[in-house]
């Protein structure tokens, strides 16, 4: 499957307190997640360190629904989660 980048990229700074993205736009079904430090993400509520880990400087493509909010919290160091909306 091929994806093209949309112009919509969110940069969510995270610390020891969970941070939330803005709602995913109506036309988006997938996002590319890239974190600058190890972190944990959650698409179904507030992120905690027991939720899905995301390794630093790697990326994941995740299926989302319009209006979803991605929550993120650091593992050990503060960082930024880049959320790039994709189209098919």
N, C-alpha and C. Protein backbone atom coordinates (compact mmCIF):
# COMPACT_ATOMS: atom_id res chain seq x y z
N UNK A 1 0.85 -1.17 0.00
CA UNK A 1 0.00 0.00 0.00
C UNK A 1 0.90 1.23 0.00
N UNK A 2 0.52 2.23 -0.76
CA UNK A 2 1.30 3.46 -0.87
C UNK A 2 0.58 4.59 -0.15
N UNK A 3 1.36 5.45 0.47
CA UNK A 3 0.80 6.58 1.20
C UNK A 3 1.47 7.85 0.71
N UNK A 4 0.73 8.92 0.70
CA UNK A 4 1.32 10.22 0.39
C UNK A 4 1.16 11.11 1.62
N UNK A 5 2.15 11.96 1.83
CA UNK A 5 2.10 12.87 2.96
C UNK A 5 1.14 14.01 2.67
N UNK A 6 0.37 14.36 3.68
CA UNK A 6 -0.45 15.56 3.60
C UNK A 6 0.35 16.70 4.22
N UNK A 7 -0.13 17.90 4.10
CA UNK A 7 0.56 19.05 4.68
C UNK A 7 0.37 19.14 6.19
N UNK A 8 -0.44 18.26 6.74
CA UNK A 8 -0.80 18.34 8.15
C UNK A 8 0.17 17.54 9.02
N UNK A 9 1.08 18.22 9.69
CA UNK A 9 2.03 17.58 10.61
C UNK A 9 1.89 18.27 11.96
N UNK A 10 1.69 17.47 13.00
CA UNK A 10 1.62 18.00 14.35
C UNK A 10 2.92 17.65 15.08
N UNK A 11 3.42 18.57 15.87
CA UNK A 11 4.57 18.33 16.74
C UNK A 11 4.07 18.46 18.17
N UNK A 12 4.05 17.34 18.89
CA UNK A 12 3.53 17.32 20.26
C UNK A 12 4.69 17.11 21.22
N UNK A 13 5.00 18.14 22.02
CA UNK A 13 6.08 18.03 23.01
C UNK A 13 5.56 17.24 24.20
N UNK A 14 6.36 16.27 24.66
CA UNK A 14 5.94 15.45 25.80
C UNK A 14 6.98 15.47 26.91
N UNK A 15 6.49 15.28 28.13
CA UNK A 15 7.33 15.27 29.33
C UNK A 15 6.85 14.10 30.20
N UNK A 16 7.04 14.22 31.50
CA UNK A 16 6.55 13.19 32.43
C UNK A 16 5.03 13.26 32.60
N UNK A 17 4.43 14.31 32.04
CA UNK A 17 2.98 14.45 32.02
C UNK A 17 2.50 14.20 30.60
N UNK A 18 1.46 13.41 30.44
CA UNK A 18 0.95 13.08 29.11
C UNK A 18 0.52 14.35 28.37
N UNK A 19 0.80 14.38 27.07
CA UNK A 19 0.38 15.47 26.18
C UNK A 19 -0.49 14.88 25.08
N UNK A 20 -1.44 15.66 24.60
CA UNK A 20 -2.37 15.19 23.57
C UNK A 20 -2.20 15.96 22.27
N UNK A 21 -2.41 15.25 21.17
CA UNK A 21 -2.43 15.89 19.86
C UNK A 21 -3.76 16.60 19.67
N UNK A 22 -3.87 17.35 18.60
CA UNK A 22 -5.16 17.85 18.15
C UNK A 22 -5.89 16.68 17.50
N UNK A 23 -7.17 16.84 17.29
CA UNK A 23 -7.96 15.78 16.65
C UNK A 23 -7.47 15.54 15.22
N UNK A 24 -7.45 14.28 14.82
CA UNK A 24 -7.07 13.89 13.46
C UNK A 24 -8.15 14.39 12.50
N UNK A 25 -7.74 14.91 11.34
CA UNK A 25 -8.69 15.50 10.40
C UNK A 25 -9.61 14.46 9.76
N UNK A 26 -10.68 14.95 9.18
CA UNK A 26 -11.74 14.09 8.65
C UNK A 26 -11.32 13.18 7.50
N UNK A 27 -10.33 13.57 6.72
CA UNK A 27 -9.93 12.80 5.54
C UNK A 27 -8.80 11.80 5.81
N UNK A 28 -8.32 11.74 7.04
CA UNK A 28 -7.14 10.93 7.37
C UNK A 28 -7.56 9.57 7.93
N UNK A 29 -6.88 8.51 7.45
CA UNK A 29 -7.13 7.15 7.95
C UNK A 29 -5.87 6.51 8.53
N UNK A 30 -4.70 7.10 8.21
CA UNK A 30 -3.43 6.60 8.72
C UNK A 30 -2.56 7.79 9.14
N UNK A 31 -1.71 7.57 10.14
CA UNK A 31 -0.72 8.57 10.52
C UNK A 31 0.64 7.91 10.64
N UNK A 32 1.67 8.70 10.43
CA UNK A 32 3.06 8.25 10.64
C UNK A 32 3.52 8.91 11.93
N UNK A 33 3.98 8.09 12.88
CA UNK A 33 4.44 8.60 14.17
C UNK A 33 5.96 8.49 14.23
N UNK A 34 6.62 9.58 14.65
CA UNK A 34 8.07 9.62 14.80
C UNK A 34 8.38 10.37 16.09
N UNK A 35 9.13 9.73 16.98
CA UNK A 35 9.46 10.33 18.27
C UNK A 35 10.96 10.60 18.37
N UNK A 36 11.31 11.71 19.02
CA UNK A 36 12.71 12.06 19.18
C UNK A 36 13.37 11.34 20.35
N UNK A 37 12.58 10.85 21.30
CA UNK A 37 13.08 10.04 22.42
C UNK A 37 12.10 8.89 22.64
N UNK A 38 12.51 7.87 23.37
CA UNK A 38 11.60 6.76 23.68
C UNK A 38 10.38 7.30 24.42
N UNK A 39 9.20 6.82 24.01
CA UNK A 39 7.97 7.30 24.63
C UNK A 39 6.92 6.19 24.61
N UNK A 40 5.74 6.52 25.12
CA UNK A 40 4.60 5.61 25.12
C UNK A 40 3.42 6.37 24.56
N UNK A 41 2.62 5.70 23.72
CA UNK A 41 1.47 6.35 23.08
C UNK A 41 0.19 5.60 23.41
N UNK A 42 -0.91 6.32 23.28
CA UNK A 42 -2.23 5.71 23.47
C UNK A 42 -3.21 6.44 22.57
N UNK A 43 -3.98 5.69 21.80
CA UNK A 43 -5.01 6.27 20.93
C UNK A 43 -6.39 6.22 21.57
N UNK A 44 -6.49 5.61 22.74
CA UNK A 44 -7.80 5.38 23.35
C UNK A 44 -7.86 5.93 24.77
N UNK A 45 -7.24 7.07 25.01
CA UNK A 45 -7.23 7.67 26.34
C UNK A 45 -5.87 8.27 26.64
N UNK A 46 -5.62 8.52 27.89
CA UNK A 46 -4.38 9.16 28.31
C UNK A 46 -3.22 8.17 28.32
N UNK A 47 -2.10 8.58 27.77
CA UNK A 47 -0.91 7.73 27.74
C UNK A 47 -0.31 7.60 29.14
N UNK A 48 0.18 6.41 29.45
CA UNK A 48 0.95 6.14 30.66
C UNK A 48 2.14 5.29 30.23
N UNK A 49 3.08 5.10 31.12
CA UNK A 49 4.27 4.31 30.77
C UNK A 49 3.98 2.82 30.65
N UNK A 50 2.74 2.41 30.89
CA UNK A 50 2.36 1.01 30.69
C UNK A 50 1.67 0.81 29.33
N UNK A 51 1.53 1.88 28.55
CA UNK A 51 0.88 1.79 27.24
C UNK A 51 1.92 1.48 26.16
N UNK A 52 1.51 1.49 24.92
CA UNK A 52 2.33 1.08 23.78
C UNK A 52 3.63 1.89 23.69
N UNK A 53 4.78 1.21 23.71
CA UNK A 53 6.05 1.94 23.57
C UNK A 53 6.34 2.29 22.11
N UNK A 54 7.02 3.41 21.92
CA UNK A 54 7.48 3.83 20.60
C UNK A 54 8.95 4.21 20.75
N UNK A 55 9.80 3.52 20.01
CA UNK A 55 11.24 3.75 20.10
C UNK A 55 11.63 5.07 19.45
N UNK A 56 12.65 5.69 20.00
CA UNK A 56 13.16 6.95 19.46
C UNK A 56 13.73 6.75 18.07
N UNK A 57 13.54 7.74 17.24
CA UNK A 57 14.12 7.81 15.90
C UNK A 57 13.76 6.64 15.01
N UNK A 58 12.58 6.10 15.24
CA UNK A 58 11.99 5.08 14.39
C UNK A 58 10.60 5.60 14.06
N UNK A 59 9.91 4.98 13.14
CA UNK A 59 8.55 5.44 12.87
C UNK A 59 7.59 4.27 12.79
N UNK A 60 6.34 4.58 13.05
CA UNK A 60 5.25 3.61 12.95
C UNK A 60 4.15 4.24 12.13
N UNK A 61 3.48 3.43 11.32
CA UNK A 61 2.28 3.88 10.62
C UNK A 61 1.10 3.21 11.32
N UNK A 62 0.14 4.03 11.72
CA UNK A 62 -0.97 3.56 12.55
C UNK A 62 -2.28 3.95 11.90
N UNK A 63 -3.24 3.02 11.90
CA UNK A 63 -4.58 3.31 11.40
C UNK A 63 -5.32 4.13 12.46
N UNK A 64 -5.99 5.19 12.01
CA UNK A 64 -6.74 6.06 12.91
C UNK A 64 -8.11 6.34 12.32
N UNK A 65 -8.94 6.98 13.11
CA UNK A 65 -10.25 7.42 12.65
C UNK A 65 -10.32 8.94 12.79
N UNK A 66 -11.13 9.58 11.97
CA UNK A 66 -11.29 11.03 12.10
C UNK A 66 -11.69 11.40 13.54
N UNK A 67 -11.05 12.43 14.06
CA UNK A 67 -11.36 12.87 15.41
C UNK A 67 -10.54 12.22 16.50
N UNK A 68 -9.79 11.15 16.16
CA UNK A 68 -8.93 10.52 17.17
C UNK A 68 -7.91 11.53 17.70
N UNK A 69 -7.56 11.35 18.96
CA UNK A 69 -6.53 12.16 19.62
C UNK A 69 -5.45 11.19 20.10
N UNK A 70 -4.20 11.50 19.81
CA UNK A 70 -3.08 10.64 20.22
C UNK A 70 -2.44 11.25 21.46
N UNK A 71 -2.33 10.45 22.50
CA UNK A 71 -1.72 10.87 23.75
C UNK A 71 -0.33 10.27 23.84
N UNK A 72 0.63 11.03 24.39
CA UNK A 72 2.02 10.58 24.46
C UNK A 72 2.64 11.02 25.78
N UNK A 73 3.54 10.18 26.31
CA UNK A 73 4.28 10.48 27.53
C UNK A 73 5.70 9.94 27.37
N UNK A 74 6.66 10.59 28.01
CA UNK A 74 8.06 10.16 27.87
C UNK A 74 8.32 8.85 28.59
N UNK A 75 9.36 8.17 28.17
CA UNK A 75 9.86 7.01 28.89
C UNK A 75 10.84 7.49 29.95
N UNK A 76 11.89 8.22 29.53
CA UNK A 76 12.88 8.74 30.47
C UNK A 76 13.25 10.19 30.19
N UNK A 77 13.25 10.58 28.91
CA UNK A 77 13.66 11.94 28.52
C UNK A 77 12.53 12.64 27.77
N UNK A 78 12.42 13.95 27.98
CA UNK A 78 11.43 14.74 27.24
C UNK A 78 11.73 14.67 25.75
N UNK A 79 10.70 14.86 24.94
CA UNK A 79 10.90 14.81 23.50
C UNK A 79 9.72 15.38 22.75
N UNK A 80 9.71 15.11 21.45
CA UNK A 80 8.64 15.58 20.58
C UNK A 80 8.15 14.42 19.73
N UNK A 81 6.83 14.27 19.64
CA UNK A 81 6.20 13.28 18.76
C UNK A 81 5.70 14.02 17.54
N UNK A 82 6.18 13.61 16.36
CA UNK A 82 5.71 14.18 15.10
C UNK A 82 4.65 13.26 14.52
N UNK A 83 3.48 13.82 14.26
CA UNK A 83 2.35 13.06 13.74
C UNK A 83 2.06 13.59 12.34
N UNK A 84 2.31 12.76 11.33
CA UNK A 84 2.10 13.16 9.94
C UNK A 84 0.87 12.43 9.41
N UNK A 85 -0.12 13.19 8.98
CA UNK A 85 -1.32 12.59 8.42
C UNK A 85 -1.03 12.11 7.01
N UNK A 86 -1.54 10.92 6.67
CA UNK A 86 -1.26 10.28 5.38
C UNK A 86 -2.56 10.02 4.62
N UNK A 87 -2.44 9.95 3.32
CA UNK A 87 -3.57 9.56 2.47
C UNK A 87 -3.16 8.32 1.68
N UNK A 88 -4.14 7.56 1.24
CA UNK A 88 -3.85 6.34 0.45
C UNK A 88 -3.69 6.70 -1.01
